[in-house]
Amino acid sequence: MSYVDGFVLPVPENKLEAYRVMSQAAGEIWMEHGALAYKECVGEDLNSEFANNSFPRIAGAQEGETVILAFIIYQSREHRDEVNAKVHQDPRMQCGDMKDLPFDCARMNYGGFTTLVDL
């Protein structure tokens, strides 16, 4: 079964294009180093009447922010660890000052997941 790294984070709407550019570049690096898929999705329909918690609430989104749901798919946890080691050593991933990013890293939610169903 595959393995997935998942991310949920708030991004200021006025920085969404800068986030897209950054994510596009990062995704290309992850794919180059062996990830099976790399997706960055921007919230569009986030107010569900069927859930106790909404993505904006989970992400801590504030006025003027939207929510990003991102995920990277790997063959296995071991494959994830190999790919991430290569990505983190890639000089293109060395970002300067973290405060210059188009989102607040401290508000990003992250986890690694073993696939339960894969159709």
Protein backbone atom coordinates (compact mmCIF):
# COMPACT_ATOMS: atom_id res chain seq x y z
CA MET A 1 0.00 0.00 0.00
CA SER A 2 1.09 3.56 -0.63
CA TYR A 3 2.07 6.12 1.98
CA VAL A 4 0.86 9.73 2.08
CA ASP A 5 2.21 12.90 3.67
CA GLY A 6 -0.71 15.26 4.28
CA PHE A 7 -0.76 18.98 5.02
CA VAL A 8 -3.51 21.45 5.95
CA LEU A 9 -2.58 25.11 6.29
CA PRO A 10 -4.06 28.58 6.04
CA VAL A 11 -2.73 30.92 3.35
CA PRO A 12 -3.59 34.61 3.01
CA GLU A 13 -5.73 35.05 -0.10
CA ASN A 14 -3.52 37.92 -1.27
CA LYS A 15 -0.49 35.57 -1.19
CA LEU A 16 -2.13 32.66 -2.98
CA GLU A 17 -0.30 33.22 -6.27
CA ALA A 18 3.08 33.41 -4.51
CA TYR A 19 2.15 30.19 -2.68
CA ARG A 20 1.20 28.53 -5.99
CA VAL A 21 4.55 29.48 -7.56
CA MET A 22 6.45 28.17 -4.52
CA SER A 23 4.40 24.96 -4.44
CA GLN A 24 4.83 24.33 -8.16
CA ALA A 25 8.62 24.51 -7.79
CA ALA A 26 8.59 22.31 -4.67
CA GLY A 27 6.31 19.76 -6.33
CA GLU A 28 8.63 19.46 -9.31
CA ILE A 29 11.52 18.74 -6.94
CA TRP A 30 9.54 16.09 -5.03
CA MET A 31 8.52 14.41 -8.29
CA GLU A 32 12.08 14.56 -9.61
CA HIS A 33 13.28 12.73 -6.48
CA GLY A 34 10.69 9.97 -6.79
CA ALA A 35 7.32 10.98 -5.30
CA LEU A 36 4.43 9.28 -7.10
CA ALA A 37 2.11 12.31 -6.90
CA TYR A 38 2.18 15.84 -5.50
CA LYS A 39 -1.06 17.81 -5.06
CA GLU A 40 -1.78 21.28 -3.65
CA CYS A 41 -5.48 22.09 -3.43
CA VAL A 42 -7.11 25.40 -2.49
CA GLY A 43 -10.35 25.40 -0.53
CA GLU A 44 -13.47 26.12 -2.55
CA ASP A 45 -16.44 24.58 -0.72
CA LEU A 46 -15.42 24.58 2.93
CA ASN A 47 -18.62 25.06 4.92
CA SER A 48 -20.14 21.60 5.31
CA GLU A 49 -23.32 21.10 7.30
CA PHE A 50 -22.37 17.42 7.71
CA ALA A 51 -19.12 17.83 9.69
CA ASN A 52 -18.47 18.95 13.24
CA ASN A 53 -15.25 20.70 12.22
CA SER A 54 -14.62 22.58 9.03
CA PHE A 55 -11.25 22.86 7.32
CA PRO A 56 -11.03 26.60 8.09
CA ARG A 57 -11.49 25.81 11.76
CA ILE A 58 -8.99 22.94 11.72
CA ALA A 59 -6.46 25.14 9.91
CA GLY A 60 -7.11 28.14 12.13
CA ALA A 61 -7.90 30.25 9.08
CA GLN A 62 -8.61 33.90 9.80
CA GLU A 63 -10.41 36.59 7.84
CA GLY A 64 -8.76 36.99 4.43
CA GLU A 65 -7.24 33.49 4.46
CA THR A 66 -8.10 30.33 2.58
CA VAL A 67 -7.16 26.73 3.31
CA ILE A 68 -4.70 24.56 1.41
CA LEU A 69 -4.98 20.78 1.48
CA ALA A 70 -1.77 19.25 0.14
CA PHE A 71 -0.55 15.70 -0.15
CA ILE A 72 2.38 13.75 -1.51
CA ILE A 73 2.07 10.07 -2.38
CA TYR A 74 4.89 7.54 -2.07
CA GLN A 75 5.27 3.77 -2.55
CA SER A 76 5.79 3.16 1.18
CA ARG A 77 7.00 4.83 4.36
CA GLU A 78 10.54 3.74 3.52
CA HIS A 79 10.21 5.27 0.05
CA ARG A 80 8.89 8.48 1.66
CA ASP A 81 11.93 8.64 3.93
CA GLU A 82 14.30 8.14 0.96
CA VAL A 83 12.57 10.76 -1.19
CA ASN A 84 12.37 13.31 1.63
CA ALA A 85 16.07 12.85 2.45
CA LYS A 86 16.92 13.69 -1.17
CA VAL A 87 14.49 16.63 -1.25
CA HIS A 88 15.83 18.15 1.96
CA GLN A 89 19.41 17.92 0.64
CA ASP A 90 18.48 19.50 -2.70
CA PRO A 91 19.97 23.03 -2.84
CA ARG A 92 16.80 24.30 -4.56
CA MET A 93 14.89 23.59 -1.35
CA GLN A 94 17.11 25.79 0.78
CA CYS A 95 14.82 28.73 1.39
CA GLY A 96 16.14 31.86 2.98
CA ASP A 97 14.33 33.52 5.82
CA MET A 98 11.19 31.57 6.83
CA LYS A 99 9.34 34.84 7.43
CA ASP A 100 9.52 35.52 3.68
CA LEU A 101 7.36 32.51 2.86
CA PRO A 102 3.77 33.20 1.66
CA PHE A 103 2.36 31.32 4.69
CA ASP A 104 3.10 30.86 8.38
CA CYS A 105 4.96 27.55 8.90
CA ALA A 106 3.95 27.50 12.56
CA ARG A 107 0.28 27.17 11.53
CA MET A 108 0.81 24.23 9.16
CA ASN A 109 -0.67 20.87 10.16
CA TYR A 110 1.19 17.78 8.96
CA GLY A 111 1.10 14.01 9.28
CA GLY A 112 2.22 10.82 7.58
CA PHE A 113 -0.49 8.29 6.73
CA THR A 114 -0.56 4.62 5.79
CA THR A 115 -3.11 4.03 3.04
CA LEU A 116 -6.20 2.14 4.20
CA VAL A 117 -8.13 2.02 0.90
CA ASP A 118 -6.51 2.54 -2.50
CA LEU A 119 -8.87 2.24 -5.49
